[in-house]
Amino acid sequence: MESDPQQLVMEIERKATRETRKYLASLLEADDRLRKDPKCLLNINEIERSCAWVSHAVPLLNIRT
């Protein structure tokens, strides 16, 4: 059975919203750590992983049926 294209778009949008919230929360947490300790080093790999979905998901969000 084929997936409904509109349903697929809605699922991608839900996942993007959920992942965006997680990403923004991690940025706020990192900002808070830096404000408390300016010498604190960010875990760049962690942030890159958080951002990785953006390059994959954003083009998919442009799909419209």
C-alpha atoms as a PDB file:
ATOM      1  CA  MET A   1       0.000   0.000   0.000  1.00  0.00           C
ATOM      2  CA  GLU A   2       1.433   3.384  -1.005  1.00  0.00           C
ATOM      3  CA  SER A   3       1.730   6.206   1.495  1.00  0.00           C
ATOM      4  CA  ASP A   4      -0.467   9.241   1.089  1.00  0.00           C
ATOM      5  CA  PRO A   5       1.854  12.113   0.007  1.00  0.00           C
ATOM      6  CA  GLN A   6       0.028  14.605   2.228  1.00  0.00           C
ATOM      7  CA  GLN A   7       0.376  12.263   5.212  1.00  0.00           C
ATOM      8  CA  LEU A   8       4.098  11.955   4.473  1.00  0.00           C
ATOM      9  CA  VAL A   9       4.495  15.747   4.398  1.00  0.00           C
ATOM     10  CA  MET A  10       2.619  16.085   7.691  1.00  0.00           C
ATOM     11  CA  GLU A  11       4.839  13.442   9.331  1.00  0.00           C
ATOM     12  CA  ILE A  12       8.001  15.188   8.097  1.00  0.00           C
ATOM     13  CA  GLU A  13       6.708  18.512   9.431  1.00  0.00           C
ATOM     14  CA  ARG A  14       5.941  16.946  12.837  1.00  0.00           C
ATOM     15  CA  LYS A  15       9.403  15.383  13.025  1.00  0.00           C
ATOM     16  CA  ALA A  16      11.058  18.642  11.945  1.00  0.00           C
ATOM     17  CA  THR A  17       9.141  20.558  14.603  1.00  0.00           C
ATOM     18  CA  ARG A  18      10.134  18.033  17.279  1.00  0.00           C
ATOM     19  CA  GLU A  19      13.777  18.042  16.180  1.00  0.00           C
ATOM     20  CA  THR A  20      13.832  21.841  15.938  1.00  0.00           C
ATOM     21  CA  ARG A  21      12.640  22.103  19.530  1.00  0.00           C
ATOM     22  CA  LYS A  22      15.392  19.697  20.659  1.00  0.00           C
ATOM     23  CA  TYR A  23      17.994  21.620  18.660  1.00  0.00           C
ATOM     24  CA  LEU A  24      16.918  25.004  20.041  1.00  0.00           C
ATOM     25  CA  ALA A  25      16.906  23.607  23.574  1.00  0.00           C
ATOM     26  CA  SER A  26      20.474  22.342  23.101  1.00  0.00           C
ATOM     27  CA  LEU A  27      21.561  25.762  21.813  1.00  0.00           C
ATOM     28  CA  LEU A  28      19.952  27.505  24.789  1.00  0.00           C
ATOM     29  CA  GLU A  29      21.640  25.059  27.160  1.00  0.00           C
ATOM     30  CA  ALA A  30      25.013  25.661  25.477  1.00  0.00           C
ATOM     31  CA  ASP A  31      24.471  29.428  25.663  1.00  0.00           C
ATOM     32  CA  ASP A  32      23.610  29.125  29.354  1.00  0.00           C
ATOM     33  CA  ARG A  33      26.784  27.091  30.014  1.00  0.00           C
ATOM     34  CA  LEU A  34      28.890  29.680  28.209  1.00  0.00           C
ATOM     35  CA  ARG A  35      27.340  32.555  30.166  1.00  0.00           C
ATOM     36  CA  LYS A  36      28.152  30.754  33.422  1.00  0.00           C
ATOM     37  CA  ASP A  37      31.674  29.798  32.351  1.00  0.00           C
ATOM     38  CA  PRO A  38      33.059  31.681  29.310  1.00  0.00           C
ATOM     39  CA  LYS A  39      35.975  29.225  29.142  1.00  0.00           C
ATOM     40  CA  CYS A  40      33.616  26.261  28.720  1.00  0.00           C
ATOM     41  CA  LEU A  41      34.201  24.478  25.420  1.00  0.00           C
ATOM     42  CA  LEU A  42      31.186  23.352  23.443  1.00  0.00           C
ATOM     43  CA  ASN A  43      31.030  19.817  22.213  1.00  0.00           C
ATOM     44  CA  ILE A  44      31.103  20.657  18.495  1.00  0.00           C
ATOM     45  CA  ASN A  45      30.335  17.087  17.414  1.00  0.00           C
ATOM     46  CA  GLU A  46      27.164  17.110  19.521  1.00  0.00           C
ATOM     47  CA  ILE A  47      25.998  20.352  17.925  1.00  0.00           C
ATOM     48  CA  GLU A  48      26.872  19.100  14.432  1.00  0.00           C
ATOM     49  CA  ARG A  49      24.811  15.969  15.052  1.00  0.00           C
ATOM     50  CA  SER A  50      21.923  18.128  16.240  1.00  0.00           C
ATOM     51  CA  CYS A  51      22.177  20.153  13.028  1.00  0.00           C
ATOM     52  CA  ALA A  52      22.636  17.171  10.700  1.00  0.00           C
ATOM     53  CA  TRP A  53      18.918  16.597  10.227  1.00  0.00           C
ATOM     54  CA  VAL A  54      18.490  20.173   8.975  1.00  0.00           C
ATOM     55  CA  SER A  55      20.384  19.630   5.734  1.00  0.00           C
ATOM     56  CA  HIS A  56      18.378  16.450   5.156  1.00  0.00           C
ATOM     57  CA  ALA A  57      14.903  17.490   6.327  1.00  0.00           C
ATOM     58  CA  VAL A  58      14.580  21.084   5.168  1.00  0.00           C
ATOM     59  CA  PRO A  59      14.502  20.262   1.428  1.00  0.00           C
ATOM     60  CA  LEU A  60      11.836  17.642   2.190  1.00  0.00           C
ATOM     61  CA  LEU A  61       9.680  20.257   3.886  1.00  0.00           C
ATOM     62  CA  ASN A  62       9.388  22.073   0.560  1.00  0.00           C
ATOM     63  CA  ILE A  63       7.371  19.149  -0.819  1.00  0.00           C
ATOM     64  CA  ARG A  64       3.765  20.118  -1.385  1.00  0.00           C
ATOM     65  CA  THR A  65       1.023  17.925  -2.792  1.00  0.00           C
END
